[in-house]
PDB file of N, CA and C in Angstrom:
ATOM      1  N   MET A   1     160.846 108.793 112.235  1.00  0.00           N
ATOM      2  CA  MET A   1     159.858 109.187 112.780  1.00  0.00           C
ATOM      3  C   MET A   1     159.933 110.850 113.118  1.00  0.00           C
ATOM      4  N   ASP A   2     159.345 111.695 112.665  1.00  0.00           N
ATOM      5  CA  ASP A   2     159.588 112.805 112.847  1.00  0.00           C
ATOM      6  C   ASP A   2     157.592 113.692 112.831  1.00  0.00           C
ATOM      7  N   GLN A   3     157.566 114.716 113.023  1.00  0.00           N
ATOM      8  CA  GLN A   3     156.229 115.733 113.087  1.00  0.00           C
ATOM      9  C   GLN A   3     155.204 115.409 114.134  1.00  0.00           C
ATOM     10  N   ASN A   4     155.864 114.871 115.153  1.00  0.00           N
ATOM     11  CA  ASN A   4     154.930 113.986 116.446  1.00  0.00           C
ATOM     12  C   ASN A   4     154.561 115.041 117.345  1.00  0.00           C
ATOM     13  N   LEU A   5     153.525 115.260 118.027  1.00  0.00           N
ATOM     14  CA  LEU A   5     153.151 115.721 119.142  1.00  0.00           C
ATOM     15  C   LEU A   5     153.299 115.029 120.360  1.00  0.00           C
ATOM     16  N   TYR A   6     153.888 115.686 121.270  1.00  0.00           N
ATOM     17  CA  TYR A   6     153.819 114.660 122.592  1.00  0.00           C
ATOM     18  C   TYR A   6     153.128 115.429 123.960  1.00  0.00           C
ATOM     19  N   TRP A   7     152.370 114.808 124.854  1.00  0.00           N
ATOM     20  CA  TRP A   7     151.903 115.167 125.637  1.00  0.00           C
ATOM     21  C   TRP A   7     151.458 114.279 126.631  1.00  0.00           C
ATOM     22  N   ASN A   8     151.736 114.462 127.856  1.00  0.00           N
ATOM     23  CA  ASN A   8     151.140 113.845 128.867  1.00  0.00           C
ATOM     24  C   ASN A   8     150.652 114.633 129.857  1.00  0.00           C
ATOM     25  N   ILE A   9     149.237 114.143 130.514  1.00  0.00           N
ATOM     26  CA  ILE A   9     148.441 114.962 131.564  1.00  0.00           C
ATOM     27  C   ILE A   9     149.120 115.006 132.830  1.00  0.00           C
ATOM     28  N   SER A  10     150.466 114.386 132.905  1.00  0.00           N
ATOM     29  CA  SER A  10     151.157 114.215 134.346  1.00  0.00           C
ATOM     30  C   SER A  10     152.044 115.722 134.479  1.00  0.00           C
ATOM     31  N   GLY A  11     152.544 116.325 133.104  1.00  0.00           N
ATOM     32  CA  GLY A  11     153.023 117.021 133.319  1.00  0.00           C
ATOM     33  C   GLY A  11     154.651 117.148 133.243  1.00  0.00           C
ATOM     34  N   ASN A  12     154.745 115.785 133.871  1.00  0.00           N
ATOM     35  CA  ASN A  12     156.314 115.282 134.101  1.00  0.00           C
ATOM     36  C   ASN A  12     157.074 115.273 132.796  1.00  0.00           C
ATOM     37  N   ASP A  13     158.470 115.402 132.631  1.00  0.00           N
ATOM     38  CA  ASP A  13     159.254 115.123 131.613  1.00  0.00           C
ATOM     39  C   ASP A  13     159.285 113.783 130.960  1.00  0.00           C
ATOM     40  N   TYR A  14     159.035 113.687 129.695  1.00  0.00           N
ATOM     41  CA  TYR A  14     159.140 112.482 128.970  1.00  0.00           C
ATOM     42  C   TYR A  14     160.726 111.659 129.055  1.00  0.00           C
ATOM     43  N   ASN A  15     160.768 110.612 128.821  1.00  0.00           N
ATOM     44  CA  ASN A  15     161.900 110.017 129.120  1.00  0.00           C
ATOM     45  C   ASN A  15     162.081 109.341 127.573  1.00  0.00           C
ATOM     46  N   PHE A  16     163.172 109.750 126.844  1.00  0.00           N
ATOM     47  CA  PHE A  16     163.424 109.278 125.471  1.00  0.00           C
ATOM     48  C   PHE A  16     164.662 108.451 125.371  1.00  0.00           C
ATOM     49  N   ASN A  17     164.420 107.156 125.800  1.00  0.00           N
ATOM     50  CA  ASN A  17     165.502 106.510 125.791  1.00  0.00           C
ATOM     51  C   ASN A  17     166.712 106.764 126.980  1.00  0.00           C
ATOM     52  N   ASP A  18     166.259 107.277 127.940  1.00  0.00           N
ATOM     53  CA  ASP A  18     167.093 107.954 129.164  1.00  0.00           C
ATOM     54  C   ASP A  18     167.597 109.334 128.496  1.00  0.00           C
ATOM     55  N   ARG A  19     166.959 110.017 127.876  1.00  0.00           N
ATOM     56  CA  ARG A  19     167.357 110.876 127.489  1.00  0.00           C
ATOM     57  C   ARG A  19     166.138 112.388 127.604  1.00  0.00           C
ATOM     58  N   SER A  20     166.606 113.631 127.556  1.00  0.00           N
ATOM     59  CA  SER A  20     165.681 114.542 127.945  1.00  0.00           C
ATOM     60  C   SER A  20     165.192 114.498 126.209  1.00  0.00           C
ATOM     61  N   PHE A  21     163.946 115.475 125.985  1.00  0.00           N
ATOM     62  CA  PHE A  21     163.546 115.545 124.788  1.00  0.00           C
ATOM     63  C   PHE A  21     164.361 116.466 123.896  1.00  0.00           C
ATOM     64  N   GLU A  22     164.918 117.396 124.563  1.00  0.00           N
ATOM     65  CA  GLU A  22     166.111 118.204 123.912  1.00  0.00           C
ATOM     66  C   GLU A  22     167.149 117.458 123.531  1.00  0.00           C
ATOM     67  N   LYS A  23     167.752 116.402 124.436  1.00  0.00           N
ATOM     68  CA  LYS A  23     169.081 115.976 123.965  1.00  0.00           C
ATOM     69  C   LYS A  23     168.477 114.723 122.572  1.00  0.00           C
ATOM     70  N   TRP A  24     167.342 114.005 122.858  1.00  0.00           N
ATOM     71  CA  TRP A  24     166.660 113.434 121.910  1.00  0.00           C
ATOM     72  C   TRP A  24     166.924 114.069 120.404  1.00  0.00           C
ATOM     73  N   GLN A  25     166.227 115.345 120.411  1.00  0.00           N
ATOM     74  CA  GLN A  25     166.353 116.213 119.528  1.00  0.00           C
ATOM     75  C   GLN A  25     167.595 116.415 118.781  1.00  0.00           C
ATOM     76  N   ARG A  26     168.389 116.826 119.220  1.00  0.00           N
ATOM     77  CA  ARG A  26     169.853 116.878 119.319  1.00  0.00           C
ATOM     78  C   ARG A  26     170.819 115.759 118.644  1.00  0.00           C
ATOM     79  N   SER A  27     170.131 114.686 118.745  1.00  0.00           N
ATOM     80  CA  SER A  27     170.433 113.223 118.732  1.00  0.00           C
ATOM     81  C   SER A  27     170.088 113.018 116.957  1.00  0.00           C
ATOM     82  N   GLY A  28     168.918 114.004 116.434  1.00  0.00           N
ATOM     83  CA  GLY A  28     168.756 113.794 115.256  1.00  0.00           C
ATOM     84  C   GLY A  28     167.198 112.963 115.355  1.00  0.00           C
ATOM     85  N   HIS A  29     166.792 112.870 116.316  1.00  0.00           N
ATOM     86  CA  HIS A  29     165.400 112.275 116.162  1.00  0.00           C
ATOM     87  C   HIS A  29     164.203 113.545 116.585  1.00  0.00           C
ATOM     88  N   ASP A  30     163.245 113.358 115.832  1.00  0.00           N
ATOM     89  CA  ASP A  30     161.983 114.140 116.105  1.00  0.00           C
ATOM     90  C   ASP A  30     162.467 115.679 115.847  1.00  0.00           C
ATOM     91  N   THR A  31     163.193 116.052 115.115  1.00  0.00           N
ATOM     92  CA  THR A  31     163.804 117.133 115.065  1.00  0.00           C
ATOM     93  C   THR A  31     162.598 118.317 114.546  1.00  0.00           C
ATOM     94  N   ASN A  32     161.280 117.892 113.879  1.00  0.00           N
ATOM     95  CA  ASN A  32     160.230 118.569 113.873  1.00  0.00           C
ATOM     96  C   ASN A  32     158.915 118.310 114.563  1.00  0.00           C
ATOM     97  N   SER A  33     159.603 117.988 115.900  1.00  0.00           N
ATOM     98  CA  SER A  33     158.522 117.453 116.765  1.00  0.00           C
ATOM     99  C   SER A  33     158.190 118.539 117.923  1.00  0.00           C
ATOM    100  N   PHE A  34     157.492 118.375 118.687  1.00  0.00           N
ATOM    101  CA  PHE A  34     157.382 119.272 119.786  1.00  0.00           C
ATOM    102  C   PHE A  34     156.391 118.664 120.855  1.00  0.00           C
ATOM    103  N   ILE A  35     156.383 119.205 122.291  1.00  0.00           N
ATOM    104  CA  ILE A  35     155.800 118.648 123.381  1.00  0.00           C
ATOM    105  C   ILE A  35     154.811 120.235 123.802  1.00  0.00           C
ATOM    106  N   ALA A  36     153.417 119.712 123.493  1.00  0.00           N
ATOM    107  CA  ALA A  36     152.767 120.797 123.843  1.00  0.00           C
ATOM    108  C   ALA A  36     151.198 119.854 124.154  1.00  0.00           C
ATOM    109  N   ASP A  37     150.124 120.704 125.030  1.00  0.00           N
ATOM    110  CA  ASP A  37     148.734 120.090 124.979  1.00  0.00           C
ATOM    111  C   ASP A  37     148.180 120.182 123.597  1.00  0.00           C
ATOM    112  N   PRO A  38     147.669 118.869 122.973  1.00  0.00           N
ATOM    113  CA  PRO A  38     147.089 119.093 121.931  1.00  0.00           C
ATOM    114  C   PRO A  38     145.496 119.662 121.868  1.00  0.00           C
ATOM    115  N   ASN A  39     145.131 120.006 122.974  1.00  0.00           N
ATOM    116  CA  ASN A  39     143.849 120.478 123.242  1.00  0.00           C
ATOM    117  C   ASN A  39     142.451 119.903 122.764  1.00  0.00           C
ATOM    118  N   PHE A  40     142.555 118.556 123.128  1.00  0.00           N
ATOM    119  CA  PHE A  40     141.499 117.682 123.091  1.00  0.00           C
ATOM    120  C   PHE A  40     140.549 118.076 123.733  1.00  0.00           C
ATOM    121  N   LYS A  41     139.117 118.053 123.357  1.00  0.00           N
ATOM    122  CA  LYS A  41     137.840 118.415 123.907  1.00  0.00           C
ATOM    123  C   LYS A  41     137.408 118.029 125.409  1.00  0.00           C
ATOM    124  N   ASP A  42     137.851 116.566 125.499  1.00  0.00           N
ATOM    125  CA  ASP A  42     137.489 116.175 126.839  1.00  0.00           C
ATOM    126  C   ASP A  42     138.526 114.470 126.773  1.00  0.00           C
ATOM    127  N   PRO A  43     139.687 114.689 127.140  1.00  0.00           N
ATOM    128  CA  PRO A  43     139.979 113.137 126.767  1.00  0.00           C
ATOM    129  C   PRO A  43     140.005 112.207 128.082  1.00  0.00           C
ATOM    130  N   MET A  44     139.536 112.828 128.922  1.00  0.00           N
ATOM    131  CA  MET A  44     139.083 112.079 130.202  1.00  0.00           C
ATOM    132  C   MET A  44     137.855 111.289 130.178  1.00  0.00           C
ATOM    133  N   VAL A  45     136.967 111.611 128.930  1.00  0.00           N
ATOM    134  CA  VAL A  45     135.926 110.909 128.569  1.00  0.00           C
ATOM    135  C   VAL A  45     136.047 110.122 127.078  1.00  0.00           C
ATOM    136  N   PHE A  46     137.139 110.068 126.758  1.00  0.00           N
ATOM    137  CA  PHE A  46     137.642 109.768 125.562  1.00  0.00           C
ATOM    138  C   PHE A  46     136.872 110.691 124.428  1.00  0.00           C
ATOM    139  N   ASP A  47     137.148 111.876 124.303  1.00  0.00           N
ATOM    140  CA  ASP A  47     136.438 112.576 123.114  1.00  0.00           C
ATOM    141  C   ASP A  47     137.812 113.404 122.734  1.00  0.00           C
ATOM    142  N   PHE A  48     138.389 112.693 121.687  1.00  0.00           N
ATOM    143  CA  PHE A  48     139.791 113.308 121.058  1.00  0.00           C
ATOM    144  C   PHE A  48     139.273 114.120 120.270  1.00  0.00           C
ATOM    145  N   ASN A  49     138.076 114.795 120.044  1.00  0.00           N
ATOM    146  CA  ASN A  49     138.281 115.816 119.133  1.00  0.00           C
ATOM    147  C   ASN A  49     138.842 117.105 119.655  1.00  0.00           C
ATOM    148  N   PHE A  50     139.433 118.222 118.736  1.00  0.00           N
ATOM    149  CA  PHE A  50     140.032 119.194 118.911  1.00  0.00           C
ATOM    150  C   PHE A  50     139.266 120.471 119.532  1.00  0.00           C
ATOM    151  N   LYS A  51     139.550 121.038 120.652  1.00  0.00           N
ATOM    152  CA  LYS A  51     139.126 122.296 121.034  1.00  0.00           C
ATOM    153  C   LYS A  51     139.322 123.467 119.724  1.00  0.00           C
ATOM    154  N   ASN A  52     140.590 123.432 119.086  1.00  0.00           N
ATOM    155  CA  ASN A  52     141.294 124.280 118.219  1.00  0.00           C
ATOM    156  C   ASN A  52     142.211 123.630 117.219  1.00  0.00           C
ATOM    157  N   LYS A  53     142.742 123.860 116.241  1.00  0.00           N
ATOM    158  CA  LYS A  53     143.723 123.347 115.440  1.00  0.00           C
ATOM    159  C   LYS A  53     145.020 123.683 115.606  1.00  0.00           C
ATOM    160  N   LYS A  54     145.292 124.689 116.058  1.00  0.00           N
ATOM    161  CA  LYS A  54     146.437 125.611 116.170  1.00  0.00           C
ATOM    162  C   LYS A  54     147.662 124.754 116.264  1.00  0.00           C
ATOM    163  N   THR A  55     147.627 123.860 117.264  1.00  0.00           N
ATOM    164  CA  THR A  55     148.727 123.227 117.713  1.00  0.00           C
ATOM    165  C   THR A  55     149.127 122.128 116.468  1.00  0.00           C
ATOM    166  N   ILE A  56     147.844 121.473 116.006  1.00  0.00           N
ATOM    167  CA  ILE A  56     148.019 120.358 115.425  1.00  0.00           C
ATOM    168  C   ILE A  56     148.715 120.669 113.946  1.00  0.00           C
ATOM    169  N   LYS A  57     148.289 121.649 113.418  1.00  0.00           N
ATOM    170  CA  LYS A  57     148.674 122.365 112.410  1.00  0.00           C
ATOM    171  C   LYS A  57     150.289 122.371 112.218  1.00  0.00           C
ATOM    172  N   ARG A  58     150.676 122.650 113.370  1.00  0.00           N
ATOM    173  CA  ARG A  58     152.546 122.686 113.301  1.00  0.00           C
ATOM    174  C   ARG A  58     153.169 121.301 112.952  1.00  0.00           C
ATOM    175  N   ILE A  59     152.085 120.373 113.106  1.00  0.00           N
ATOM    176  CA  ILE A  59     152.633 118.836 112.664  1.00  0.00           C
ATOM    177  C   ILE A  59     151.850 118.511 111.244  1.00  0.00           C
ATOM    178  N   ASP A  60     150.966 119.048 110.647  1.00  0.00           N
ATOM    179  CA  ASP A  60     150.507 118.927 109.588  1.00  0.00           C
ATOM    180  C   ASP A  60     149.283 117.786 109.431  1.00  0.00           C
ATOM    181  N   PHE A  61     148.931 117.216 110.955  1.00  0.00           N
ATOM    182  CA  PHE A  61     147.828 116.554 111.324  1.00  0.00           C
ATOM    183  C   PHE A  61     146.634 116.783 110.632  1.00  0.00           C
ATOM    184  N   LYS A  62     146.160 115.816 110.156  1.00  0.00           N
ATOM    185  CA  LYS A  62     144.714 115.928 109.485  1.00  0.00           C
ATOM    186  C   LYS A  62     143.673 115.460 110.551  1.00  0.00           C
ATOM    187  N   PRO A  63     142.737 116.050 111.032  1.00  0.00           N
ATOM    188  CA  PRO A  63     141.732 115.099 111.802  1.00  0.00           C
ATOM    189  C   PRO A  63     140.819 114.227 110.913  1.00  0.00           C
ATOM    190  N   PHE A  64     140.698 113.381 111.708  1.00  0.00           N
ATOM    191  CA  PHE A  64     139.874 112.048 110.956  1.00  0.00           C
ATOM    192  C   PHE A  64     138.818 111.625 112.123  1.00  0.00           C
ATOM    193  N   LYS A  65     137.689 111.096 111.574  1.00  0.00           N
ATOM    194  CA  LYS A  65     136.747 110.398 112.489  1.00  0.00           C
ATOM    195  C   LYS A  65     137.358 109.055 113.318  1.00  0.00           C
ATOM    196  N   TYR A  66     137.949 109.562 114.317  1.00  0.00           N
ATOM    197  CA  TYR A  66     138.790 108.502 114.834  1.00  0.00           C
ATOM    198  C   TYR A  66     138.017 107.398 115.424  1.00  0.00           C
ATOM    199  N   LYS A  67     136.499 107.634 115.656  1.00  0.00           N
ATOM    200  CA  LYS A  67     135.829 106.697 116.358  1.00  0.00           C
ATOM    201  C   LYS A  67     135.501 105.382 114.852  1.00  0.00           C
ATOM    202  N   LYS A  68     135.770 106.080 113.785  1.00  0.00           N
ATOM    203  CA  LYS A  68     135.646 105.007 112.495  1.00  0.00           C
ATOM    204  C   LYS A  68     136.864 104.243 112.060  1.00  0.00           C
ATOM    205  N   ALA A  69     138.076 104.997 112.526  1.00  0.00           N
ATOM    206  CA  ALA A  69     139.348 104.061 112.490  1.00  0.00           C
ATOM    207  C   ALA A  69     139.565 102.801 113.030  1.00  0.00           C
ATOM    208  N   GLY A  70     140.024 101.862 111.939  1.00  0.00           N
ATOM    209  CA  GLY A  70     140.217 100.650 112.186  1.00  0.00           C
ATOM    210  C   GLY A  70     139.881  99.956 111.065  1.00  0.00           C
ATOM    211  N   VAL A  71     140.461  98.354 111.325  1.00  0.00           N
ATOM    212  CA  VAL A  71     140.313  97.450 110.067  1.00  0.00           C
ATOM    213  C   VAL A  71     138.803  97.171 109.752  1.00  0.00           C
ATOM    214  N   THR A  72     138.907  97.484 108.370  1.00  0.00           N
ATOM    215  CA  THR A  72     137.398  97.336 107.624  1.00  0.00           C
ATOM    216  C   THR A  72     137.556  95.933 106.553  1.00  0.00           C
ATOM    217  N   GLY A  73     136.553  95.482 106.210  1.00  0.00           N
ATOM    218  CA  GLY A  73     136.526  94.586 105.164  1.00  0.00           C
ATOM    219  C   GLY A  73     135.597  93.139 106.079  1.00  0.00           C
ATOM    220  N   SER A  74     135.875  91.987 105.306  1.00  0.00           N
ATOM    221  CA  SER A  74     135.184  90.810 105.758  1.00  0.00           C
ATOM    222  C   SER A  74     135.659  90.332 107.232  1.00  0.00           C
ATOM    223  N   LYS A  75     135.227  89.494 107.644  1.00  0.00           N
ATOM    224  CA  LYS A  75     135.092  88.916 108.864  1.00  0.00           C
ATOM    225  C   LYS A  75     136.424  88.400 108.988  1.00  0.00           C
ATOM    226  N   LYS A  76     137.052  87.612 108.081  1.00  0.00           N
ATOM    227  CA  LYS A  76     138.029  87.067 107.796  1.00  0.00           C
ATOM    228  C   LYS A  76     139.295  87.999 108.270  1.00  0.00           C
ATOM    229  N   TRP A  77     139.187  88.851 107.124  1.00  0.00           N
ATOM    230  CA  TRP A  77     140.104  90.209 107.054  1.00  0.00           C
ATOM    231  C   TRP A  77     140.334  90.847 108.553  1.00  0.00           C
ATOM    232  N   LYS A  78     139.371  90.966 109.224  1.00  0.00           N
ATOM    233  CA  LYS A  78     139.345  91.586 110.486  1.00  0.00           C
ATOM    234  C   LYS A  78     139.843  90.856 111.449  1.00  0.00           C
ATOM    235  N   GLU A  79     139.552  89.462 111.305  1.00  0.00           N
ATOM    236  CA  GLU A  79     139.976  88.111 112.406  1.00  0.00           C
ATOM    237  C   GLU A  79     141.783  88.525 112.234  1.00  0.00           C
ATOM    238  N   LYS A  80     142.473  88.754 111.047  1.00  0.00           N
ATOM    239  CA  LYS A  80     143.893  88.727 110.846  1.00  0.00           C
ATOM    240  C   LYS A  80     144.425  89.672 111.482  1.00  0.00           C
ATOM    241  N   ALA A  81     143.843  90.988 111.857  1.00  0.00           N
ATOM    242  CA  ALA A  81     144.296  92.101 112.361  1.00  0.00           C
ATOM    243  C   ALA A  81     144.090  92.040 114.134  1.00  0.00           C
ATOM    244  N   ILE A  82     143.677  90.571 114.231  1.00  0.00           N
ATOM    245  CA  ILE A  82     143.708  90.581 115.815  1.00  0.00           C
ATOM    246  C   ILE A  82     145.050  90.257 116.595  1.00  0.00           C
ATOM    247  N   LEU A  83     145.800  90.906 117.085  1.00  0.00           N
ATOM    248  CA  LEU A  83     146.957  90.772 117.573  1.00  0.00           C
ATOM    249  C   LEU A  83     147.401  89.669 118.685  1.00  0.00           C
ATOM    250  N   PRO A  84     147.745  88.356 118.769  1.00  0.00           N
ATOM    251  CA  PRO A  84     147.958  87.571 119.646  1.00  0.00           C
ATOM    252  C   PRO A  84     148.214  88.048 121.046  1.00  0.00           C
ATOM    253  N   ASP A  85     147.551  87.732 122.309  1.00  0.00           N
ATOM    254  CA  ASP A  85     147.435  87.843 123.718  1.00  0.00           C
ATOM    255  C   ASP A  85     148.902  88.423 123.977  1.00  0.00           C
ATOM    256  N   ASN A  86     149.956  87.679 123.484  1.00  0.00           N
ATOM    257  CA  ASN A  86     151.381  87.854 124.359  1.00  0.00           C
ATOM    258  C   ASN A  86     151.932  89.244 123.805  1.00  0.00           C
ATOM    259  N   ILE A  87     151.560  89.458 122.304  1.00  0.00           N
ATOM    260  CA  ILE A  87     152.162  90.768 121.957  1.00  0.00           C
ATOM    261  C   ILE A  87     151.221  91.853 122.716  1.00  0.00           C
ATOM    262  N   THR A  88     149.867  92.068 123.088  1.00  0.00           N
ATOM    263  CA  THR A  88     149.141  93.048 123.648  1.00  0.00           C
ATOM    264  C   THR A  88     149.625  93.053 124.940  1.00  0.00           C
ATOM    265  N   GLN A  89     149.953  91.947 125.708  1.00  0.00           N
ATOM    266  CA  GLN A  89     150.373  92.067 126.882  1.00  0.00           C
ATOM    267  C   GLN A  89     151.932  92.539 127.018  1.00  0.00           C
ATOM    268  N   GLU A  90     152.714  92.292 126.227  1.00  0.00           N
ATOM    269  CA  GLU A  90     153.993  92.897 126.212  1.00  0.00           C
ATOM    270  C   GLU A  90     154.107  94.558 125.961  1.00  0.00           C
ATOM    271  N   PHE A  91     152.981  94.829 124.724  1.00  0.00           N
ATOM    272  CA  PHE A  91     152.477  96.372 124.790  1.00  0.00           C
ATOM    273  C   PHE A  91     152.576  96.745 125.967  1.00  0.00           C
ATOM    274  N   ASP A  92     151.475  96.519 126.617  1.00  0.00           N
ATOM    275  CA  ASP A  92     150.547  96.738 127.877  1.00  0.00           C
ATOM    276  C   ASP A  92     151.823  96.933 128.863  1.00  0.00           C
ATOM    277  N   ARG A  93     152.772  96.197 129.092  1.00  0.00           N
ATOM    278  CA  ARG A  93     154.022  96.012 130.080  1.00  0.00           C
ATOM    279  C   ARG A  93     154.996  97.083 129.739  1.00  0.00           C
ATOM    280  N   ILE A  94     155.309  97.243 128.529  1.00  0.00           N
ATOM    281  CA  ILE A  94     156.084  98.345 128.168  1.00  0.00           C
ATOM    282  C   ILE A  94     155.611  99.878 128.529  1.00  0.00           C
ATOM    283  N   VAL A  95     154.269  99.621 128.207  1.00  0.00           N
ATOM    284  CA  VAL A  95     153.616 101.298 128.140  1.00  0.00           C
ATOM    285  C   VAL A  95     153.351 101.412 130.020  1.00  0.00           C
ATOM    286  N   GLU A  96     153.268 100.545 130.852  1.00  0.00           N
ATOM    287  CA  GLU A  96     153.234 100.584 132.159  1.00  0.00           C
ATOM    288  C   GLU A  96     154.608 101.120 132.567  1.00  0.00           C
ATOM    289  N   ILE A  97     155.623 100.652 132.027  1.00  0.00           N
ATOM    290  CA  ILE A  97     157.163 100.914 132.332  1.00  0.00           C
ATOM    291  C   ILE A  97     157.327 102.312 132.192  1.00  0.00           C
ATOM    292  N   ASN A  98     157.040 102.978 130.566  1.00  0.00           N
ATOM    293  CA  ASN A  98     157.202 104.374 130.340  1.00  0.00           C
ATOM    294  C   ASN A  98     156.450 105.307 131.028  1.00  0.00           C
ATOM    295  N   ILE A  99     155.276 104.864 131.670  1.00  0.00           N
ATOM    296  CA  ILE A  99     154.364 105.535 132.493  1.00  0.00           C
ATOM    297  C   ILE A  99     154.934 105.820 133.750  1.00  0.00           C
ATOM    298  N   ILE A 100     155.613 104.679 134.377  1.00  0.00           N
ATOM    299  CA  ILE A 100     156.425 104.793 135.616  1.00  0.00           C
ATOM    300  C   ILE A 100     157.586 105.796 135.484  1.00  0.00           C
ATOM    301  N   LYS A 101     158.252 105.638 134.305  1.00  0.00           N
ATOM    302  CA  LYS A 101     159.134 106.492 134.046  1.00  0.00           C
ATOM    303  C   LYS A 101     158.962 108.052 134.135  1.00  0.00           C
ATOM    304  N   THR A 102     157.832 108.574 133.678  1.00  0.00           N
ATOM    305  CA  THR A 102     157.313 109.610 133.764  1.00  0.00           C
ATOM    306  C   THR A 102     156.558 110.356 134.885  1.00  0.00           C
ATOM    307  N   LYS A 103     156.303 109.427 135.997  1.00  0.00           N
ATOM    308  CA  LYS A 103     156.074 110.121 136.964  1.00  0.00           C
ATOM    309  C   LYS A 103     156.694 110.658 138.171  1.00  0.00           C
TER     310      LYS A 103
END
């Protein structure tokens, strides 16, 4: 995994498996990634369009209509994409742990 843009509104440092971002990169991970404000228009109201594209160009990100993203196709196909509750609950639990680590 590489060419990522990391950002959190708290401004606190990230925790990369108990390492700083710099140590994480020195270990060979995310060597072409960086931490910066992505310049979303208004993320607090879920407007993730970009004010400008300068930052995202550094990772070759191609903007897309995120409100149209997701599984498309037949009802049966869409149902296959629904994760079981235990998986979504575990995901939420891990996210919460990582959020606490950044506070």
